[in-house]
């Protein structure tokens, strides 16, 4: 399983020969737009945690070109189905076995509305099991006790957690979240894109190190393999 960071909460995941894009906000991200060319990104699936613009901006552009299936909560899926896109709707607690592995849609504590203010369903995260590796994509969320449910059914190899604070968990709560999900290997997301969520990288890494955990802060376009 290969995971590439495209800034904010945008990720590419290669697993079992399939290409997944998560929360594509690239062309409008000043940190990413000159480093990532969305016209060449491969996508069989696009996973969306919620409807905010900094998570869906490039969905239609990528989906039109690739014919990718959009996977999200029921309301977001129906929004895109009404526009003619292929979708797979999910809701909290539900599992589905895709051709790359199993996906479970799990709780997140946040808000969710489209840029025009229309309802975007309830936000969520994804637990993905594929190629004998398991990852948790938290999406935008506060620290929540529901995270403790995840390791009761899935042993994680990586937790992808927001760390920018203000709109989501910050560093300290992300450390607690890694305890809750019982995964000490964390990929940080949702930071630095704009002023409200700028972080001190060295301080963040030190706090995780002091907690005997590994925080990875990837450069935009950089990848890790599990």
Protein backbone atom coordinates (compact mmCIF):
# COMPACT_ATOMS: atom_id res chain seq x y z
CA UNK A 1 0.00 0.00 0.00
CA UNK A 2 1.42 3.35 -1.08
CA UNK A 3 0.13 6.65 0.32
CA UNK A 4 0.98 10.05 -1.18
CA UNK A 5 0.24 13.38 0.50
CA UNK A 6 -1.16 16.21 -1.65
CA UNK A 7 -1.70 18.80 1.10
CA UNK A 8 -4.56 19.52 3.52
CA UNK A 9 -6.46 16.18 3.73
CA UNK A 10 -5.75 15.19 0.11
CA UNK A 11 -4.18 11.78 -0.37
CA UNK A 12 -3.55 9.23 -3.09
CA UNK A 13 -3.62 5.57 -2.10
CA UNK A 14 -2.42 2.75 -4.31
CA UNK A 15 -3.68 -0.62 -3.13
CA UNK A 16 -4.27 -3.92 -4.92
CA UNK A 17 -3.71 -2.31 -8.30
CA UNK A 18 -6.34 0.39 -7.72
CA UNK A 19 -5.91 4.15 -7.32
CA UNK A 20 -7.84 6.04 -4.66
CA UNK A 21 -7.96 9.80 -4.19
CA UNK A 22 -9.11 11.12 -0.82
CA UNK A 23 -10.61 14.61 -0.33
CA UNK A 24 -9.10 16.30 -3.41
CA UNK A 25 -8.42 19.96 -2.60
CA UNK A 26 -5.39 20.74 -4.72
CA UNK A 27 -6.00 23.42 -7.36
CA UNK A 28 -7.21 25.86 -4.69
CA UNK A 29 -4.49 25.05 -2.16
CA UNK A 30 -1.66 27.60 -2.47
CA UNK A 31 0.78 25.06 -1.02
CA UNK A 32 -0.12 22.31 -3.52
CA UNK A 33 -1.36 23.83 -6.77
CA UNK A 34 2.11 24.29 -8.26
CA UNK A 35 3.37 20.91 -7.05
CA UNK A 36 0.54 18.57 -8.05
CA UNK A 37 -0.99 18.35 -11.53
CA UNK A 38 -4.56 17.12 -11.12
CA UNK A 39 -4.82 16.48 -14.87
CA UNK A 40 -2.58 13.42 -14.55
CA UNK A 41 -3.78 11.95 -11.25
CA UNK A 42 -5.07 8.39 -11.51
CA UNK A 43 -8.34 7.56 -9.77
CA UNK A 44 -10.56 4.50 -9.71
CA UNK A 45 -12.27 5.79 -6.56
CA UNK A 46 -12.61 9.15 -4.84
CA UNK A 47 -13.31 8.97 -1.10
CA UNK A 48 -14.85 12.04 0.55
CA UNK A 49 -15.02 12.52 4.31
CA UNK A 50 -17.40 15.49 4.14
CA UNK A 51 -18.65 18.28 1.89
CA UNK A 52 -16.50 21.29 2.81
CA UNK A 53 -14.79 22.98 -0.10
CA UNK A 54 -11.30 22.19 1.18
CA UNK A 55 -12.15 18.51 0.70
CA UNK A 56 -14.22 18.42 -2.52
CA UNK A 57 -12.91 21.24 -4.72
CA UNK A 58 -11.37 19.04 -7.44
CA UNK A 59 -13.79 16.10 -7.26
CA UNK A 60 -15.71 16.84 -10.44
CA UNK A 61 -12.63 17.66 -12.51
CA UNK A 62 -10.94 14.39 -11.53
CA UNK A 63 -14.08 12.26 -11.76
CA UNK A 64 -15.01 13.55 -15.24
CA UNK A 65 -11.59 12.63 -16.60
CA UNK A 66 -11.13 9.29 -14.83
CA UNK A 67 -14.73 8.04 -14.48
CA UNK A 68 -13.91 7.31 -10.85
CA UNK A 69 -16.57 6.14 -8.41
CA UNK A 70 -17.24 8.66 -5.65
CA UNK A 71 -17.58 7.05 -2.21
CA UNK A 72 -19.06 9.07 0.65
CA UNK A 73 -22.07 9.45 2.89
CA UNK A 74 -25.51 9.12 1.32
CA UNK A 75 -26.16 12.84 0.91
CA UNK A 76 -22.83 13.58 -0.75
CA UNK A 77 -23.15 10.54 -3.00
CA UNK A 78 -26.63 11.56 -4.13
CA UNK A 79 -25.39 15.11 -4.79
CA UNK A 80 -22.86 13.76 -7.27
CA UNK A 81 -25.15 11.09 -8.67
CA UNK A 82 -27.62 13.84 -9.60
CA UNK A 83 -24.79 15.41 -11.60
CA UNK A 84 -24.23 12.17 -13.51
CA UNK A 85 -21.25 10.76 -11.64
CA UNK A 86 -20.79 7.16 -10.52
CA UNK A 87 -21.20 6.86 -6.77
CA UNK A 88 -21.24 4.41 -3.91
CA UNK A 89 -23.19 5.75 -0.90
CA UNK A 90 -22.29 4.69 2.63
CA UNK A 91 -23.26 5.64 6.15
CA UNK A 92 -21.86 5.36 9.66
CA UNK A 93 -20.94 1.87 10.78
CA UNK A 94 -21.34 0.38 7.31
CA UNK A 95 -18.77 -1.84 5.60
CA UNK A 96 -18.33 -2.62 1.91
CA UNK A 97 -15.90 -4.96 0.19
CA UNK A 98 -14.51 -3.13 -2.83
CA UNK A 99 -12.14 -4.69 -5.35
CA UNK A 100 -9.17 -3.19 -3.47
CA UNK A 101 -10.26 -4.15 0.05
CA UNK A 102 -12.79 -3.45 2.78
CA UNK A 103 -13.96 0.05 3.68
CA UNK A 104 -15.82 1.03 6.84
CA UNK A 105 -17.40 4.47 7.24
CA UNK A 106 -16.87 5.62 10.83
CA UNK A 107 -17.91 8.56 12.98
CA UNK A 108 -16.34 12.01 12.94
CA UNK A 109 -17.30 15.07 14.97
CA UNK A 110 -17.31 18.09 12.66
CA UNK A 111 -19.75 19.84 10.31
CA UNK A 112 -20.52 19.15 6.65
CA UNK A 113 -22.04 21.47 4.08
CA UNK A 114 -21.38 22.20 0.43
CA UNK A 115 -19.87 25.58 -0.55
CA UNK A 116 -23.38 26.89 -1.37
CA UNK A 117 -24.52 26.07 2.16
CA UNK A 118 -26.60 23.02 1.24
CA UNK A 119 -26.61 19.98 3.50
CA UNK A 120 -23.68 17.60 3.13
CA UNK A 121 -24.81 14.84 5.46
CA UNK A 122 -22.87 13.88 8.55
CA UNK A 123 -19.05 13.88 8.37
CA UNK A 124 -17.13 10.65 8.69
CA UNK A 125 -13.84 8.86 8.40
CA UNK A 126 -12.72 5.66 6.70
CA UNK A 127 -11.06 2.48 7.92
CA UNK A 128 -9.49 0.78 4.90
CA UNK A 129 -8.22 -2.81 4.94
CA UNK A 130 -6.20 -3.87 1.91
CA UNK A 131 -3.04 -5.80 1.04
CA UNK A 132 -2.92 -7.02 4.66
CA UNK A 133 -2.53 -3.42 5.86
CA UNK A 134 -5.10 -1.38 7.76
CA UNK A 135 -5.34 2.40 7.85
CA UNK A 136 -7.66 4.91 9.49
CA UNK A 137 -8.42 8.18 7.72
CA UNK A 138 -10.04 10.29 10.41
CA UNK A 139 -11.14 13.18 8.20
CA UNK A 140 -11.87 16.46 9.95
CA UNK A 141 -12.81 15.60 13.49
CA UNK A 142 -12.55 16.43 17.13
CA UNK A 143 -11.18 13.85 19.51
CA UNK A 144 -14.04 11.44 20.17
CA UNK A 145 -14.53 8.39 22.35
CA UNK A 146 -15.91 6.57 19.28
CA UNK A 147 -12.30 6.19 18.14
CA UNK A 148 -11.90 3.56 20.86
CA UNK A 149 -14.26 1.30 18.90
CA UNK A 150 -11.88 1.00 15.93
CA UNK A 151 -9.20 -1.27 17.49
CA UNK A 152 -11.93 -3.55 18.82
CA UNK A 153 -12.38 -4.79 15.25
CA UNK A 154 -9.30 -3.63 13.33
CA UNK A 155 -5.61 -3.56 14.22
CA UNK A 156 -4.26 -0.46 12.50
CA UNK A 157 -0.91 -0.05 10.77
CA UNK A 158 -1.34 3.71 10.28
CA UNK A 159 -3.61 6.45 11.61
CA UNK A 160 -4.06 9.53 9.41
CA UNK A 161 -5.10 12.29 11.78
CA UNK A 162 -5.77 16.04 11.49
CA UNK A 163 -3.37 18.03 13.64
CA UNK A 164 -3.91 21.69 12.70
CA UNK A 165 -6.20 22.60 15.60
CA UNK A 166 -8.88 25.36 15.47
CA UNK A 167 -11.19 23.44 13.09
CA UNK A 168 -10.12 19.93 14.14
CA UNK A 169 -8.00 18.18 16.73
CA UNK A 170 -4.67 19.72 17.53
CA UNK A 171 -1.42 17.98 18.37
CA UNK A 172 -2.26 17.09 21.97
CA UNK A 173 -5.66 15.62 21.10
CA UNK A 174 -4.13 13.76 18.15
CA UNK A 175 -1.74 12.06 20.57
CA UNK A 176 -4.75 10.98 22.63
CA UNK A 177 -6.50 9.84 19.44
CA UNK A 178 -3.53 7.62 18.61
CA UNK A 179 -3.95 6.08 22.07
CA UNK A 180 -7.66 5.56 21.46
CA UNK A 181 -7.10 3.80 18.11
CA UNK A 182 -4.05 1.95 19.49
CA UNK A 183 -1.75 3.02 16.68
CA UNK A 184 1.53 4.80 17.38
CA UNK A 185 2.35 5.46 13.71
CA UNK A 186 0.61 8.67 12.63
CA UNK A 187 0.52 10.63 9.38
CA UNK A 188 -0.43 14.23 10.11
CA UNK A 189 -2.83 16.07 7.80
CA UNK A 190 -4.97 19.22 7.77
CA UNK A 191 -2.26 21.70 8.79
CA UNK A 192 -0.40 24.75 7.40
CA UNK A 193 -2.83 25.39 4.50
CA UNK A 194 -3.95 28.72 5.92
CA UNK A 195 -3.24 30.83 8.98
CA UNK A 196 -5.70 29.26 11.39
CA UNK A 197 -4.01 25.85 11.13
CA UNK A 198 -0.31 26.64 10.85
CA UNK A 199 1.77 24.51 13.21
CA UNK A 200 5.30 24.31 14.57
CA UNK A 201 6.61 21.13 12.92
CA UNK A 202 9.46 20.51 15.30
CA UNK A 203 7.31 21.01 18.38
CA UNK A 204 4.68 18.66 16.98
CA UNK A 205 7.22 15.94 16.26
CA UNK A 206 8.81 16.35 19.70
CA UNK A 207 5.47 15.97 21.46
CA UNK A 208 4.79 12.74 19.59
CA UNK A 209 8.34 11.52 20.22
CA UNK A 210 8.01 12.26 23.94
CA UNK A 211 4.80 10.18 23.89
CA UNK A 212 6.79 7.35 22.24
CA UNK A 213 4.95 7.77 18.95
CA UNK A 214 6.00 8.49 15.37
CA UNK A 215 4.50 11.56 13.66
CA UNK A 216 5.17 11.84 9.93
CA UNK A 217 4.80 15.24 8.26
CA UNK A 218 5.28 14.61 4.56
CA UNK A 219 6.25 17.17 1.95
CA UNK A 220 3.52 17.68 -0.62
CA UNK A 221 3.94 14.99 -3.25
CA UNK A 222 5.95 12.72 -0.96
CA UNK A 223 4.91 9.13 -0.31
CA UNK A 224 5.21 6.33 2.23
CA UNK A 225 4.73 2.61 1.72
CA UNK A 226 3.24 0.18 4.20
